[in-house]
């Protein structure tokens, strides 16, 4: 029996500004530069603490949501998972598969 697949919806920024980079490099990525090297963070709590340090004016309700997005991208996305990537500029949907880590 085949293992159940996990699907991820990834967006290229609010305006789709990273779409061309995703397509040209054949990758999906997140660009929270202020957060630094996310590989150093291990637990959800680590992500929350770092987020609070970097964004001290964040609303309390936004912290677990934003930190959770980062945590899932770094710690839960696995090789073999399916990525759904909607393009804002053309209303197309691209499908891909996670093939490795960067």
Protein backbone atom coordinates (compact mmCIF):
# COMPACT_ATOMS: atom_id res chain seq x y z
CA UNK A 1 0.00 0.00 0.00
CA UNK A 2 1.33 3.42 -0.98
CA UNK A 3 2.17 5.90 1.76
CA UNK A 4 -0.27 8.80 2.10
CA UNK A 5 0.97 11.97 0.35
CA UNK A 6 1.25 15.37 2.01
CA UNK A 7 0.33 18.44 -0.05
CA UNK A 8 1.67 21.95 0.60
CA UNK A 9 0.30 25.20 -0.77
CA UNK A 10 3.14 27.69 -1.31
CA UNK A 11 2.69 31.30 -2.41
CA UNK A 12 5.36 33.57 -3.87
CA UNK A 13 4.64 36.61 -1.71
CA UNK A 14 1.53 38.74 -1.46
CA UNK A 15 2.02 40.07 -4.98
CA UNK A 16 3.69 37.03 -6.51
CA UNK A 17 7.03 38.82 -6.66
CA UNK A 18 9.04 35.59 -6.18
CA UNK A 19 7.23 33.60 -8.89
CA UNK A 20 9.96 34.00 -11.48
CA UNK A 21 12.64 32.93 -8.98
CA UNK A 22 10.64 29.84 -8.05
CA UNK A 23 10.23 28.88 -11.70
CA UNK A 24 13.75 29.74 -12.91
CA UNK A 25 15.45 27.90 -10.03
CA UNK A 26 12.86 25.12 -9.80
CA UNK A 27 12.47 25.66 -6.06
CA UNK A 28 10.08 26.94 -3.45
CA UNK A 29 11.45 29.06 -0.65
CA UNK A 30 10.60 31.39 2.18
CA UNK A 31 12.26 34.75 2.61
CA UNK A 32 12.06 35.82 6.22
CA UNK A 33 15.61 37.20 6.17
CA UNK A 34 15.37 38.81 9.60
CA UNK A 35 14.80 35.38 11.13
CA UNK A 36 18.28 34.21 10.14
CA UNK A 37 19.22 30.53 9.77
CA UNK A 38 16.04 28.61 10.53
CA UNK A 39 17.93 25.30 10.55
CA UNK A 40 19.24 26.27 13.99
CA UNK A 41 15.72 26.28 15.44
CA UNK A 42 14.48 22.85 16.49
CA UNK A 43 11.10 23.11 18.24
CA UNK A 44 7.93 25.14 17.72
CA UNK A 45 8.82 26.97 20.90
CA UNK A 46 12.24 27.89 19.46
CA UNK A 47 10.51 29.36 16.40
CA UNK A 48 8.07 31.35 18.58
CA UNK A 49 10.85 32.75 20.79
CA UNK A 50 12.95 33.78 17.79
CA UNK A 51 9.92 35.35 16.09
CA UNK A 52 9.14 37.38 19.23
CA UNK A 53 12.76 38.59 19.39
CA UNK A 54 12.85 39.60 15.72
CA UNK A 55 9.34 41.09 15.64
CA UNK A 56 8.81 42.57 19.14
CA UNK A 57 5.75 44.57 18.01
CA UNK A 58 3.93 41.54 16.58
CA UNK A 59 0.41 40.99 17.86
CA UNK A 60 0.30 38.08 20.33
CA UNK A 61 -2.07 36.10 18.10
CA UNK A 62 0.23 36.47 15.09
CA UNK A 63 3.24 34.92 16.80
CA UNK A 64 2.12 31.26 16.86
CA UNK A 65 0.63 31.55 13.35
CA UNK A 66 3.74 33.01 11.72
CA UNK A 67 6.17 30.89 13.75
CA UNK A 68 4.07 27.83 12.87
CA UNK A 69 4.32 28.56 9.14
CA UNK A 70 8.09 28.71 9.41
CA UNK A 71 8.26 25.59 11.58
CA UNK A 72 6.18 23.53 9.15
CA UNK A 73 8.22 24.65 6.14
CA UNK A 74 11.53 23.78 7.84
CA UNK A 75 10.62 20.78 10.01
CA UNK A 76 7.55 19.10 8.51
CA UNK A 77 7.98 19.39 4.72
CA UNK A 78 9.65 16.18 3.52
CA UNK A 79 11.13 14.71 0.35
CA UNK A 80 8.30 13.24 -1.70
CA UNK A 81 5.67 15.73 -0.54
CA UNK A 82 3.64 17.46 -3.26
CA UNK A 83 3.78 21.26 -3.65
CA UNK A 84 0.91 23.27 -5.14
CA UNK A 85 2.07 26.67 -6.34
CA UNK A 86 -0.56 29.09 -7.73
CA UNK A 87 0.76 31.79 -10.06
CA UNK A 88 -0.80 35.21 -9.50
CA UNK A 89 0.27 36.69 -12.83
CA UNK A 90 -1.31 34.00 -15.01
CA UNK A 91 -3.88 32.22 -12.79
CA UNK A 92 -2.11 28.90 -13.49
CA UNK A 93 -1.34 26.28 -10.88
CA UNK A 94 2.00 24.47 -10.83
CA UNK A 95 2.55 21.14 -9.16
CA UNK A 96 5.88 19.82 -7.98
CA UNK A 97 7.47 17.35 -5.65
CA UNK A 98 9.97 18.01 -2.89
CA UNK A 99 13.17 16.31 -4.04
CA UNK A 100 15.65 17.52 -1.44
CA UNK A 101 16.72 20.17 1.00
CA UNK A 102 18.76 23.22 0.24
